[in-house]
C-alpha atoms as a PDB file:
ATOM      1  CA  MET A   1      -0.154   0.367  -0.357  1.00  0.00           C
ATOM      2  CA  ARG A   2       1.774   3.483  -0.978  1.00  0.00           C
ATOM      3  CA  ILE A   3       0.669   6.005   1.621  1.00  0.00           C
ATOM      4  CA  ALA A   4       1.039   9.673   1.422  1.00  0.00           C
ATOM      5  CA  VAL A   5       1.452  11.511   5.219  1.00  0.00           C
ATOM      6  CA  THR A   6       0.917  15.392   5.721  1.00  0.00           C
ATOM      7  CA  THR A   7       2.852  17.296   8.418  1.00  0.00           C
ATOM      8  CA  PRO A   8       5.255  14.149   8.937  1.00  0.00           C
ATOM      9  CA  THR A   9       6.872  16.500  11.215  1.00  0.00           C
ATOM     10  CA  GLY A  10       4.658  17.784  14.329  1.00  0.00           C
ATOM     11  CA  ASN A  11       3.126  16.417  16.803  1.00  0.00           C
ATOM     12  CA  VAL A  12       1.232  13.551  15.049  1.00  0.00           C
ATOM     13  CA  GLY A  13       2.845  12.975  12.657  1.00  0.00           C
ATOM     14  CA  ARG A  14       6.624  11.947  13.221  1.00  0.00           C
ATOM     15  CA  HIS A  15       4.806   9.952  15.048  1.00  0.00           C
ATOM     16  CA  VAL A  16       2.651   8.404  12.405  1.00  0.00           C
ATOM     17  CA  VAL A  17       5.484   8.234  10.297  1.00  0.00           C
ATOM     18  CA  ALA A  18       7.715   6.151  12.710  1.00  0.00           C
ATOM     19  CA  THR A  19       4.818   3.510  13.021  1.00  0.00           C
ATOM     20  CA  LEU A  20       3.926   3.158   9.497  1.00  0.00           C
ATOM     21  CA  VAL A  21       8.215   2.863   9.343  1.00  0.00           C
ATOM     22  CA  ARG A  22       7.564  -0.133  11.764  1.00  0.00           C
ATOM     23  CA  ALA A  23       5.166  -1.831  10.016  1.00  0.00           C
ATOM     24  CA  GLY A  24       7.296  -2.066   6.611  1.00  0.00           C
ATOM     25  CA  VAL A  25       5.742   0.755   4.912  1.00  0.00           C
ATOM     26  CA  ARG A  26       8.233   3.373   3.359  1.00  0.00           C
ATOM     27  CA  PRO A  27       5.969   6.536   2.767  1.00  0.00           C
ATOM     28  CA  ARG A  28       5.672   9.269   1.232  1.00  0.00           C
ATOM     29  CA  VAL A  29       6.215  12.088   3.273  1.00  0.00           C
ATOM     30  CA  LEU A  30       4.424  15.908   1.815  1.00  0.00           C
ATOM     31  CA  LEU A  31       6.230  19.013   3.654  1.00  0.00           C
ATOM     32  CA  ARG A  32       7.740  22.668   2.982  1.00  0.00           C
ATOM     33  CA  GLN A  33      11.236  21.902   4.341  1.00  0.00           C
ATOM     34  CA  PRO A  34      11.932  18.032   3.474  1.00  0.00           C
ATOM     35  CA  ALA A  35      15.385  18.869   5.897  1.00  0.00           C
ATOM     36  CA  ARG A  36      13.166  19.583   9.596  1.00  0.00           C
ATOM     37  CA  LEU A  37      12.971  15.232   8.998  1.00  0.00           C
ATOM     38  CA  ALA A  38      14.705  14.218  11.467  1.00  0.00           C
ATOM     39  CA  PRO A  39      18.912  11.971  10.376  1.00  0.00           C
ATOM     40  CA  GLU A  40      17.435   8.610  11.116  1.00  0.00           C
ATOM     41  CA  VAL A  41      14.052   8.477   8.844  1.00  0.00           C
ATOM     42  CA  GLN A  42      14.942  10.649   6.719  1.00  0.00           C
ATOM     43  CA  ASP A  43      16.313   7.582   4.334  1.00  0.00           C
ATOM     44  CA  GLU A  44      13.414   5.420   5.567  1.00  0.00           C
ATOM     45  CA  VAL A  45      10.765   7.691   3.381  1.00  0.00           C
ATOM     46  CA  ASP A  46       9.786   9.375   0.060  1.00  0.00           C
ATOM     47  CA  ALA A  47      10.187  12.680   1.057  1.00  0.00           C
ATOM     48  CA  VAL A  48       8.300  15.728  -1.427  1.00  0.00           C
ATOM     49  CA  GLN A  49       8.776  18.876  -0.905  1.00  0.00           C
ATOM     50  CA  VAL A  50       5.111  20.805  -0.850  1.00  0.00           C
ATOM     51  CA  ASP A  51       2.854  23.354   0.311  1.00  0.00           C
ATOM     52  CA  GLN A  52      -0.452  22.126   1.613  1.00  0.00           C
ATOM     53  CA  TYR A  53      -1.678  25.132   0.027  1.00  0.00           C
ATOM     54  CA  ASP A  54      -1.046  24.770  -3.412  1.00  0.00           C
ATOM     55  CA  ALA A  55      -3.155  22.376  -4.495  1.00  0.00           C
ATOM     56  CA  ASP A  56      -1.680  21.313  -7.908  1.00  0.00           C
ATOM     57  CA  ALA A  57       1.327  20.751  -5.554  1.00  0.00           C
ATOM     58  CA  VAL A  58      -0.514  18.422  -3.672  1.00  0.00           C
ATOM     59  CA  VAL A  59      -1.963  17.095  -6.758  1.00  0.00           C
ATOM     60  CA  ALA A  60       1.165  16.050  -8.319  1.00  0.00           C
ATOM     61  CA  ALA A  61       2.602  14.968  -4.574  1.00  0.00           C
ATOM     62  CA  THR A  62       0.299  12.629  -3.901  1.00  0.00           C
ATOM     63  CA  GLU A  63      -0.379  11.189  -7.352  1.00  0.00           C
ATOM     64  CA  ASP A  64      -0.029   6.790  -7.917  1.00  0.00           C
ATOM     65  CA  ILE A  65      -1.106   6.807  -3.240  1.00  0.00           C
ATOM     66  CA  ASP A  66      -3.461   5.459  -1.942  1.00  0.00           C
ATOM     67  CA  ALA A  67      -3.858   6.061   1.188  1.00  0.00           C
ATOM     68  CA  LEU A  68      -3.609   9.807   2.970  1.00  0.00           C
ATOM     69  CA  PHE A  69      -3.112  10.753   6.520  1.00  0.00           C
ATOM     70  CA  TRP A  70      -4.426  14.696   6.203  1.00  0.00           C
ATOM     71  CA  VAL A  71      -3.445  17.004   8.671  1.00  0.00           C
ATOM     72  CA  ASP A  72      -4.840  20.882   7.378  1.00  0.00           C
ATOM     73  CA  PRO A  73      -1.545  22.926   8.325  1.00  0.00           C
ATOM     74  CA  PRO A  74      -1.642  25.954  10.653  1.00  0.00           C
ATOM     75  CA  ALA A  75      -3.623  28.589   9.242  1.00  0.00           C
ATOM     76  CA  PRO A  76      -1.481  31.817   8.315  1.00  0.00           C
ATOM     77  CA  GLY A  77      -2.205  35.350   8.023  1.00  0.00           C
ATOM     78  CA  GLU A  78      -5.360  36.851   8.705  1.00  0.00           C
ATOM     79  CA  ASP A  79      -8.258  35.153   8.458  1.00  0.00           C
ATOM     80  CA  PRO A  80      -7.729  31.217   9.769  1.00  0.00           C
ATOM     81  CA  LEU A  81     -11.728  29.560   8.408  1.00  0.00           C
ATOM     82  CA  ALA A  82     -10.013  31.423   5.153  1.00  0.00           C
ATOM     83  CA  ALA A  83      -6.742  29.376   4.768  1.00  0.00           C
ATOM     84  CA  TYR A  84      -9.087  26.693   6.276  1.00  0.00           C
ATOM     85  CA  ALA A  85     -10.713  27.006   2.807  1.00  0.00           C
ATOM     86  CA  ARG A  86      -8.410  26.193   0.796  1.00  0.00           C
ATOM     87  CA  ALA A  87      -6.046  23.124   2.402  1.00  0.00           C
ATOM     88  CA  THR A  88      -9.368  21.638   1.664  1.00  0.00           C
ATOM     89  CA  SER A  89      -8.799  22.762  -1.195  1.00  0.00           C
ATOM     90  CA  SER A  90      -6.250  21.324  -1.743  1.00  0.00           C
ATOM     91  CA  VAL A  91      -7.992  17.811  -0.555  1.00  0.00           C
ATOM     92  CA  VAL A  92     -10.436  17.751  -2.706  1.00  0.00           C
ATOM     93  CA  ARG A  93      -8.418  18.110  -5.642  1.00  0.00           C
ATOM     94  CA  ALA A  94      -5.856  15.289  -4.975  1.00  0.00           C
ATOM     95  CA  VAL A  95      -8.551  13.271  -4.198  1.00  0.00           C
ATOM     96  CA  THR A  96     -10.385  13.467  -6.859  1.00  0.00           C
ATOM     97  CA  ASP A  97      -7.396  14.135  -9.140  1.00  0.00           C
ATOM     98  CA  ASN A  98      -6.311  10.795  -8.261  1.00  0.00           C
ATOM     99  CA  GLY A  99      -8.705   8.253  -7.280  1.00  0.00           C
ATOM    100  CA  ILE A 100      -7.205   8.097  -4.062  1.00  0.00           C
ATOM    101  CA  GLY A 101      -9.936   5.941  -1.997  1.00  0.00           C
ATOM    102  CA  ARG A 102      -8.843   5.791   1.613  1.00  0.00           C
ATOM    103  CA  VAL A 103      -8.091   9.453   3.638  1.00  0.00           C
ATOM    104  CA  VAL A 104      -7.980   9.608   7.402  1.00  0.00           C
ATOM    105  CA  PHE A 105      -7.957  12.909   8.614  1.00  0.00           C
ATOM    106  CA  GLN A 106      -7.525  14.558  11.942  1.00  0.00           C
ATOM    107  CA  SER A 107     -10.113  16.486  13.253  1.00  0.00           C
ATOM    108  CA  SER A 108     -10.846  17.781  16.752  1.00  0.00           C
ATOM    109  CA  VAL A 109     -14.317  17.234  18.946  1.00  0.00           C
ATOM    110  CA  GLY A 110     -16.654  19.461  18.465  1.00  0.00           C
ATOM    111  CA  ALA A 111     -16.401  19.717  14.568  1.00  0.00           C
ATOM    112  CA  GLU A 112     -19.521  18.237  14.843  1.00  0.00           C
ATOM    113  CA  LYS A 113     -21.145  21.338  15.836  1.00  0.00           C
ATOM    114  CA  ARG A 114     -20.300  22.648  12.137  1.00  0.00           C
ATOM    115  CA  HIS A 115     -20.438  26.350  13.660  1.00  0.00           C
ATOM    116  CA  GLY A 116     -19.918  28.502  15.727  1.00  0.00           C
ATOM    117  CA  ALA A 117     -16.309  26.492  17.541  1.00  0.00           C
ATOM    118  CA  GLY A 118     -13.910  28.994  15.874  1.00  0.00           C
ATOM    119  CA  ASP A 119     -10.794  27.117  13.826  1.00  0.00           C
ATOM    120  CA  ILE A 120     -12.447  24.178  14.548  1.00  0.00           C
ATOM    121  CA  ASP A 121     -15.636  25.129  12.054  1.00  0.00           C
ATOM    122  CA  GLY A 122     -12.279  24.747   9.534  1.00  0.00           C
ATOM    123  CA  LEU A 123     -11.581  21.110  10.429  1.00  0.00           C
ATOM    124  CA  ALA A 124     -15.340  20.435   9.704  1.00  0.00           C
ATOM    125  CA  HIS A 125     -15.221  22.256   6.504  1.00  0.00           C
ATOM    126  CA  THR A 126     -12.337  19.261   6.149  1.00  0.00           C
ATOM    127  CA  GLU A 127     -14.727  16.606   6.809  1.00  0.00           C
ATOM    128  CA  THR A 128     -18.303  17.200   4.724  1.00  0.00           C
ATOM    129  CA  ALA A 129     -16.041  18.479   1.803  1.00  0.00           C
ATOM    130  CA  LEU A 130     -14.327  14.588   2.598  1.00  0.00           C
ATOM    131  CA  ASP A 131     -17.960  13.491   2.912  1.00  0.00           C
ATOM    132  CA  ALA A 132     -19.148  14.865  -0.603  1.00  0.00           C
ATOM    133  CA  MET A 133     -17.059  12.690  -2.079  1.00  0.00           C
ATOM    134  CA  GLY A 134     -17.665   9.046  -1.607  1.00  0.00           C
ATOM    135  CA  VAL A 135     -13.919   7.838  -0.258  1.00  0.00           C
ATOM    136  CA  ASP A 136     -13.400   5.915   2.881  1.00  0.00           C
ATOM    137  CA  VAL A 137     -13.288   8.306   5.110  1.00  0.00           C
ATOM    138  CA  THR A 138     -12.238   8.202   8.448  1.00  0.00           C
ATOM    139  CA  HIS A 139     -12.490  11.375  10.782  1.00  0.00           C
ATOM    140  CA  LEU A 140     -10.250  11.960  13.421  1.00  0.00           C
ATOM    141  CA  ARG A 141     -12.188  13.400  16.551  1.00  0.00           C
ATOM    142  CA  CYS A 142      -9.322  14.292  18.405  1.00  0.00           C
ATOM    143  CA  GLY A 143      -9.468  16.033  22.079  1.00  0.00           C
ATOM    144  CA  TYR A 144      -7.721  18.569  23.698  1.00  0.00           C
ATOM    145  CA  PHE A 145      -3.600  17.690  23.255  1.00  0.00           C
ATOM    146  CA  PHE A 146      -1.511  18.270  25.445  1.00  0.00           C
ATOM    147  CA  THR A 147       1.338  20.001  24.058  1.00  0.00           C
ATOM    148  CA  ASN A 148      -0.821  22.442  24.191  1.00  0.00           C
ATOM    149  CA  LEU A 149       0.623  23.335  27.175  1.00  0.00           C
ATOM    150  CA  GLU A 150       4.075  23.795  25.197  1.00  0.00           C
ATOM    151  CA  LEU A 151       2.868  27.382  24.860  1.00  0.00           C
ATOM    152  CA  GLN A 152       1.663  27.907  27.812  1.00  0.00           C
ATOM    153  CA  ARG A 153       5.486  27.457  29.562  1.00  0.00           C
ATOM    154  CA  ASP A 154       5.635  31.458  30.645  1.00  0.00           C
ATOM    155  CA  ALA A 155       2.878  30.503  32.354  1.00  0.00           C
ATOM    156  CA  LEU A 156       3.741  27.024  34.148  1.00  0.00           C
ATOM    157  CA  ARG A 157       6.987  28.517  35.117  1.00  0.00           C
ATOM    158  CA  ALA A 158       4.867  31.843  36.672  1.00  0.00           C
ATOM    159  CA  GLY A 159       3.067  28.815  38.759  1.00  0.00           C
ATOM    160  CA  THR A 160      -0.374  30.140  36.871  1.00  0.00           C
ATOM    161  CA  LEU A 161      -2.582  28.957  34.014  1.00  0.00           C
ATOM    162  CA  GLN A 162      -4.910  31.350  32.829  1.00  0.00           C
ATOM    163  CA  VAL A 163      -8.412  29.990  31.194  1.00  0.00           C
ATOM    164  CA  ILE A 164     -11.002  30.579  30.003  1.00  0.00           C
ATOM    165  CA  LEU A 165     -13.070  27.537  30.474  1.00  0.00           C
ATOM    166  CA  PRO A 166     -15.213  26.745  33.982  1.00  0.00           C
ATOM    167  CA  LEU A 167     -12.310  25.239  36.544  1.00  0.00           C
ATOM    168  CA  ASP A 168     -14.316  22.446  36.333  1.00  0.00           C
ATOM    169  CA  GLN A 169     -15.435  21.586  33.606  1.00  0.00           C
ATOM    170  CA  PRO A 170     -14.220  18.133  31.998  1.00  0.00           C
ATOM    171  CA  MET A 171     -12.443  17.392  28.522  1.00  0.00           C
ATOM    172  CA  ALA A 172     -10.687  14.903  26.680  1.00  0.00           C
ATOM    173  CA  TRP A 173      -7.162  15.183  27.148  1.00  0.00           C
ATOM    174  CA  VAL A 174      -4.937  13.033  24.655  1.00  0.00           C
ATOM    175  CA  ALA A 175      -1.759  12.781  23.783  1.00  0.00           C
ATOM    176  CA  PRO A 176      -0.331  13.075  20.107  1.00  0.00           C
ATOM    177  CA  ARG A 177       1.437   9.867  20.231  1.00  0.00           C
ATOM    178  CA  ASP A 178      -1.421   7.954  20.361  1.00  0.00           C
ATOM    179  CA  ILE A 179      -3.634   9.751  18.155  1.00  0.00           C
ATOM    180  CA  ALA A 180      -0.331   9.067  15.561  1.00  0.00           C
ATOM    181  CA  GLU A 181      -0.975   4.948  16.498  1.00  0.00           C
ATOM    182  CA  VAL A 182      -5.191   5.445  16.016  1.00  0.00           C
ATOM    183  CA  ALA A 183      -4.176   7.068  12.732  1.00  0.00           C
ATOM    184  CA  ALA A 184      -1.359   4.093  11.662  1.00  0.00           C
ATOM    185  CA  THR A 185      -3.709   2.291  12.515  1.00  0.00           C
ATOM    186  CA  ARG A 186      -6.823   3.440  10.683  1.00  0.00           C
ATOM    187  CA  LEU A 187      -4.389   3.499   7.732  1.00  0.00           C
ATOM    188  CA  LEU A 188      -3.161   0.270   7.505  1.00  0.00           C
ATOM    189  CA  SER A 189      -6.001  -1.814   8.377  1.00  0.00           C
ATOM    190  CA  PRO A 190      -8.401  -3.278   5.321  1.00  0.00           C
ATOM    191  CA  ALA A 191     -11.209  -3.672   8.066  1.00  0.00           C
ATOM    192  CA  TRP A 192     -13.420  -0.274   7.943  1.00  0.00           C
ATOM    193  CA  SER A 193     -15.107   0.988   4.677  1.00  0.00           C
ATOM    194  CA  GLY A 194     -17.009   4.149   3.720  1.00  0.00           C
ATOM    195  CA  ARG A 195     -17.633   7.657   6.371  1.00  0.00           C
ATOM    196  CA  CYS A 196     -16.193   6.523   9.975  1.00  0.00           C
ATOM    197  CA  VAL A 197     -16.001   8.824  12.813  1.00  0.00           C
ATOM    198  CA  GLN A 198     -13.146   7.832  15.614  1.00  0.00           C
ATOM    199  CA  ALA A 199     -12.607   9.733  18.899  1.00  0.00           C
ATOM    200  CA  VAL A 200      -9.026   9.773  20.254  1.00  0.00           C
ATOM    201  CA  HIS A 201     -10.652  10.403  23.875  1.00  0.00           C
ATOM    202  CA  GLY A 202      -7.089   9.949  25.556  1.00  0.00           C
ATOM    203  CA  PRO A 203      -6.930   8.526  29.392  1.00  0.00           C
ATOM    204  CA  ALA A 204      -9.345  10.396  30.956  1.00  0.00           C
ATOM    205  CA  ASP A 205     -11.470  13.997  30.747  1.00  0.00           C
ATOM    206  CA  LEU A 206      -9.719  15.755  32.617  1.00  0.00           C
ATOM    207  CA  THR A 207     -10.837  19.778  34.289  1.00  0.00           C
ATOM    208  CA  TRP A 208      -8.156  22.276  34.951  1.00  0.00           C
ATOM    209  CA  ARG A 209      -7.930  22.020  38.426  1.00  0.00           C
ATOM    210  CA  GLN A 210      -7.580  18.524  37.542  1.00  0.00           C
ATOM    211  CA  VAL A 211      -4.868  18.863  34.846  1.00  0.00           C
ATOM    212  CA  ALA A 212      -3.206  22.091  37.137  1.00  0.00           C
ATOM    213  CA  ALA A 213      -2.880  19.428  39.687  1.00  0.00           C
ATOM    214  CA  ILE A 214      -1.230  16.632  38.029  1.00  0.00           C
ATOM    215  CA  LEU A 215       0.880  19.179  36.428  1.00  0.00           C
ATOM    216  CA  THR A 216       2.137  20.201  39.496  1.00  0.00           C
ATOM    217  CA  ALA A 217       2.813  16.567  40.277  1.00  0.00           C
ATOM    218  CA  ALA A 218       5.714  15.671  36.996  1.00  0.00           C
ATOM    219  CA  THR A 219       7.242  18.840  37.523  1.00  0.00           C
ATOM    220  CA  GLY A 220       7.724  19.578  41.764  1.00  0.00           C
ATOM    221  CA  ARG A 221       6.359  23.193  41.252  1.00  0.00           C
ATOM    222  CA  ARG A 222       2.863  24.822  42.279  1.00  0.00           C
ATOM    223  CA  ILE A 223       0.947  25.044  38.868  1.00  0.00           C
ATOM    224  CA  GLY A 224      -2.323  26.825  39.817  1.00  0.00           C
ATOM    225  CA  VAL A 225      -4.650  27.449  37.052  1.00  0.00           C
ATOM    226  CA  GLU A 226      -7.566  31.057  37.663  1.00  0.00           C
ATOM    227  CA  ARG A 227     -10.805  31.969  35.125  1.00  0.00           C
ATOM    228  CA  ILE A 228      -9.851  35.116  33.060  1.00  0.00           C
ATOM    229  CA  THR A 229     -12.639  37.045  31.737  1.00  0.00           C
ATOM    230  CA  ASP A 230     -13.278  36.432  27.298  1.00  0.00           C
ATOM    231  CA  ASP A 231     -11.935  39.931  26.765  1.00  0.00           C
ATOM    232  CA  ALA A 232      -9.557  39.601  29.004  1.00  0.00           C
ATOM    233  CA  MET A 233      -8.001  36.472  26.645  1.00  0.00           C
ATOM    234  CA  ARG A 234      -8.437  38.642  24.172  1.00  0.00           C
ATOM    235  CA  THR A 235      -6.119  41.188  25.213  1.00  0.00           C
ATOM    236  CA  GLN A 236      -3.473  38.663  25.873  1.00  0.00           C
ATOM    237  CA  LEU A 237      -4.429  36.664  22.303  1.00  0.00           C
ATOM    238  CA  ARG A 238      -3.561  40.411  21.220  1.00  0.00           C
ATOM    239  CA  GLN A 239      -0.436  42.061  22.350  1.00  0.00           C
ATOM    240  CA  ALA A 240       0.650  38.268  21.918  1.00  0.00           C
ATOM    241  CA  GLY A 241       0.381  39.285  17.415  1.00  0.00           C
ATOM    242  CA  MET A 242      -2.826  37.685  16.715  1.00  0.00           C
ATOM    243  CA  THR A 243      -5.064  39.536  14.331  1.00  0.00           C
ATOM    244  CA  ASP A 244      -8.796  40.331  14.924  1.00  0.00           C
ATOM    245  CA  GLU A 245      -9.882  36.878  12.692  1.00  0.00           C
ATOM    246  CA  ALA A 246      -7.010  35.052  14.264  1.00  0.00           C
ATOM    247  CA  VAL A 247      -7.579  35.883  18.538  1.00  0.00           C
ATOM    248  CA  GLU A 248     -12.015  35.182  18.004  1.00  0.00           C
ATOM    249  CA  ALA A 249     -10.938  32.091  15.772  1.00  0.00           C
ATOM    250  CA  THR A 250      -8.585  31.259  18.986  1.00  0.00           C
ATOM    251  CA  LEU A 251     -11.706  31.673  21.743  1.00  0.00           C
ATOM    252  CA  GLY A 252     -13.895  29.921  20.011  1.00  0.00           C
ATOM    253  CA  MET A 253     -12.446  26.370  20.182  1.00  0.00           C
ATOM    254  CA  SER A 254     -13.484  27.691  24.097  1.00  0.00           C
ATOM    255  CA  THR A 255     -16.111  29.606  23.623  1.00  0.00           C
ATOM    256  CA  GLY A 256     -18.144  27.138  21.288  1.00  0.00           C
ATOM    257  CA  LEU A 257     -17.702  24.124  23.541  1.00  0.00           C
ATOM    258  CA  ARG A 258     -18.357  26.516  26.781  1.00  0.00           C
ATOM    259  CA  GLU A 259     -22.126  25.817  27.476  1.00  0.00           C
ATOM    260  CA  ASN A 260     -24.511  22.657  26.427  1.00  0.00           C
ATOM    261  CA  PHE A 261     -22.227  20.833  24.492  1.00  0.00           C
ATOM    262  CA  VAL A 262     -22.223  16.947  24.573  1.00  0.00           C
ATOM    263  CA  PRO A 263     -19.171  15.335  22.002  1.00  0.00           C
ATOM    264  CA  GLU A 264     -21.427  13.091  19.418  1.00  0.00           C
ATOM    265  CA  GLN A 265     -19.080  10.041  20.475  1.00  0.00           C
ATOM    266  CA  PRO A 266     -19.183   9.037  23.645  1.00  0.00           C
ATOM    267  CA  ARG A 267     -16.810   7.929  25.834  1.00  0.00           C
ATOM    268  CA  THR A 268     -15.811   3.765  25.198  1.00  0.00           C
ATOM    269  CA  VAL A 269     -12.936   0.982  24.929  1.00  0.00           C
ATOM    270  CA  ARG A 270     -12.969   2.019  21.653  1.00  0.00           C
ATOM    271  CA  THR A 271     -11.842   5.744  21.655  1.00  0.00           C
ATOM    272  CA  THR A 272     -10.137   5.616  24.999  1.00  0.00           C
ATOM    273  CA  THR A 273      -5.956   6.224  24.819  1.00  0.00           C
ATOM    274  CA  PRO A 274      -3.258   4.750  27.094  1.00  0.00           C
ATOM    275  CA  THR A 275      -0.917   7.523  27.876  1.00  0.00           C
ATOM    276  CA  THR A 276      -2.337  10.068  30.537  1.00  0.00           C
ATOM    277  CA  LEU A 277      -1.265  13.106  30.956  1.00  0.00           C
ATOM    278  CA  ALA A 278       1.296  12.507  34.259  1.00  0.00           C
ATOM    279  CA  ALA A 279       2.806  10.554  32.290  1.00  0.00           C
ATOM    280  CA  TRP A 280       3.219  12.755  29.426  1.00  0.00           C
ATOM    281  CA  ALA A 281       4.927  14.977  31.434  1.00  0.00           C
ATOM    282  CA  TYR A 282       7.051  14.299  33.850  1.00  0.00           C
ATOM    283  CA  ASP A 283       8.599  13.214  30.149  1.00  0.00           C
ATOM    284  CA  HIS A 284       8.324  15.683  28.174  1.00  0.00           C
ATOM    285  CA  LEU A 285       7.160  19.266  29.923  1.00  0.00           C
ATOM    286  CA  ARG A 286       8.998  18.743  33.798  1.00  0.00           C
ATOM    287  CA  HIS A 287      12.468  20.392  32.508  1.00  0.00           C
ATOM    288  CA  GLN A 288      10.996  22.361  29.991  1.00  0.00           C
ATOM    289  CA  ILE A 289       9.490  24.063  33.770  1.00  0.00           C
ATOM    290  CA  VAL A 290      12.245  22.716  35.992  1.00  0.00           C
ATOM    291  CA  ASP A 291      15.396  23.211  34.200  1.00  0.00           C
ATOM    292  CA  ALA A 292      14.659  26.704  32.585  1.00  0.00           C
ATOM    293  CA  PRO A 293      16.703  29.132  33.263  1.00  0.00           C
END
């Protein structure tokens, strides 16, 4: 089977590549900068330099491919949802022009809402576009990535996380490596067909209070969490250099799922993955916080 993987150096993609290589597959990897591939991987893959927003380039890069792992790339510029739409156009063209019959798409919990969830609306757009094509497609509805905490290293070092969700509202938290294992298994498995939605919920739903306690134990640093207003978060994001469109898209991922939202896929053995936040934080986050100057 000829498999292509997008974002192969990302938090999920690099583990998808490694899993496929261990399975005996030589994947074709699509990325802007092939030099960013880990040295130990470069001889195990076929790397193609491509911008996922360039539909012609994506079509050329996926010629003769049987199965595709597609991740909408980080949305640059002033209008993130417009960027998601351009990425969607690329994958639709590739699937259509090259007759790709099998796609695994990295989506998110909340995409089932279709509208009103900020950045996640862009993933919903990709889902519906792929559904309309009639190919075998699995949408991975993923929980909140552990690695998002790395974007808050300064706050963690200072000892306080600031969020806009209720502190006792549970949500799914998941390790990107676990998502990759589900994705690779789906790419390789002949046991499914048609449209499938596979939630990837991690080992447990956690509240922000629980997360703070877990991080405190894992790092040895006291870490608290406080809820701030939406406007206060807007100010922080603007001060970080985000455009107004990007700010609202980022906020929407929380505000859109904050009230009266129940995930379409309930937590079951099928959606539960093994890596705990405590283990991940001890292995990956502790040194970034404790050893920081």
